[in-house]
Protein backbone atom coordinates (compact mmCIF):
# COMPACT_ATOMS: atom_id res chain seq x y z
CA MET A 1 177.50 118.59 103.55
CA PRO A 2 177.34 120.92 100.55
CA LYS A 3 177.76 124.62 101.16
CA PRO A 4 174.47 126.50 101.10
CA TYR A 5 174.05 129.05 98.35
CA PRO A 6 172.07 132.27 98.91
CA ALA A 7 168.50 132.24 97.62
CA GLU A 8 169.22 135.13 95.26
CA PHE A 9 172.10 133.18 93.68
CA ARG A 10 169.80 130.20 93.13
CA VAL A 11 167.11 132.36 91.55
CA ARG A 12 169.59 133.96 89.17
CA ALA A 13 171.10 130.59 88.25
CA VAL A 14 167.66 129.17 87.42
CA ALA A 15 166.86 132.34 85.46
CA LEU A 16 169.92 131.74 83.28
CA VAL A 17 168.65 128.27 82.39
CA ARG A 18 165.11 129.53 81.80
CA ALA A 19 166.57 132.21 79.50
CA GLY A 20 167.95 129.51 77.22
CA ARG A 21 171.42 128.59 78.49
CA THR A 22 172.10 124.92 78.96
CA ILE A 23 172.51 123.55 82.45
CA THR A 24 176.06 122.52 81.62
CA ALA A 25 177.08 126.00 80.39
CA ALA A 26 175.35 127.84 83.22
CA ALA A 27 176.78 125.53 85.89
CA SER A 28 180.35 125.88 84.61
CA ALA A 29 179.98 129.69 84.32
CA LEU A 30 178.72 129.91 87.91
CA GLY A 31 181.21 127.40 89.33
CA ILE A 32 178.62 124.93 90.63
CA SER A 33 177.93 121.32 89.75
CA GLN A 34 175.51 120.38 87.00
CA GLY A 35 173.56 118.15 89.37
CA CYS A 36 173.08 121.00 91.82
CA LEU A 37 171.75 123.34 89.15
CA HIS A 38 169.60 120.58 87.69
CA ASN A 39 167.97 120.08 91.11
CA TRP A 40 167.29 123.80 91.43
CA VAL A 41 165.73 123.94 87.95
CA ARG A 42 163.60 120.88 88.67
CA GLN A 43 162.36 122.37 91.96
CA ASP A 44 161.60 125.65 90.16
CA GLN A 45 159.50 123.72 87.65
CA VAL A 46 157.61 122.08 90.51
CA ASP A 47 157.04 125.48 92.17
CA ARG A 48 155.70 126.91 88.91
CA GLY A 49 153.36 123.93 88.41
CA GLU A 50 155.13 122.69 85.29
CA ARG A 51 156.07 119.40 86.91
CA PRO A 52 154.34 117.27 89.58
CA GLY A 53 155.78 117.28 93.08
CA LEU A 54 155.80 119.17 96.37
CA PRO A 55 156.34 122.92 96.09
CA THR A 56 159.07 124.43 98.26
CA GLN A 57 156.64 126.03 100.72
CA GLU A 58 154.66 122.81 101.26
CA ARG A 59 157.91 120.87 101.67
CA ALA A 60 159.02 123.30 104.40
CA GLU A 61 155.63 123.10 106.15
CA LEU A 62 155.71 119.31 106.04
CA ALA A 63 159.21 119.22 107.50
CA ALA A 64 158.16 121.58 110.31
CA ALA A 65 155.08 119.46 111.05
CA ARG A 66 157.14 116.26 111.18
CA ARG A 67 159.66 117.95 113.49
CA ARG A 68 156.83 119.07 115.82
CA ILE A 69 155.27 115.59 115.83
CA ARG A 70 158.65 114.10 116.76
CA GLU A 71 158.97 116.59 119.64
CA LEU A 72 155.48 115.79 120.93
CA GLU A 73 156.07 112.05 120.72
CA THR A 74 159.31 112.48 122.68
CA GLU A 75 157.52 114.52 125.35
CA LEU A 76 154.79 111.90 125.63
CA GLU A 77 157.38 109.14 125.98
CA ILE A 78 159.11 111.07 128.78
CA ILE A 79 155.79 111.47 130.59
CA ARG A 80 155.02 107.77 130.22
CA ARG A 81 158.41 106.77 131.61
CA ALA A 82 158.08 109.22 134.49
CA SER A 83 154.65 107.87 135.38
CA VAL A 84 156.09 104.34 135.50
CA LEU A 85 158.87 105.52 137.80
CA PHE A 86 156.42 107.23 140.15
CA GLY A 87 154.00 104.31 140.08
CA GLU A 88 151.21 106.21 138.42
CA GLU A 89 149.02 105.01 135.60
CA ALA A 90 150.18 105.96 132.12
CA PRO A 91 148.23 108.98 130.86
CA ASP A 92 145.87 108.53 127.97
CA PRO A 93 147.10 110.71 125.07
CA LYS A 94 143.51 111.63 124.14
CA GLY A 95 142.84 113.07 127.59
CA PHE A 96 140.14 110.69 128.83
CA THR A 97 140.11 110.21 132.59
CA ARG A 98 138.28 106.89 132.80
């Protein structure tokens, strides 16, 4: 797994490229890979609306929502298995009692 860089470092690296330095020159000056810097620049363009894609904030919200859905589905599966063990009817996830 690549080492995480501080957010301030990323912002300054992208600022170098936006100021006119090439990705190759900026990456070698900062000691990071060109691909890494290219990804940061591309995500910055998405965040600024210059390129289509998911902005950073929406991407984080989507990841959190997917994580929560996974947790809820796991909890529901545990409840279903427990109800089978105790001989009860499986609960309806929508909450109907009929």
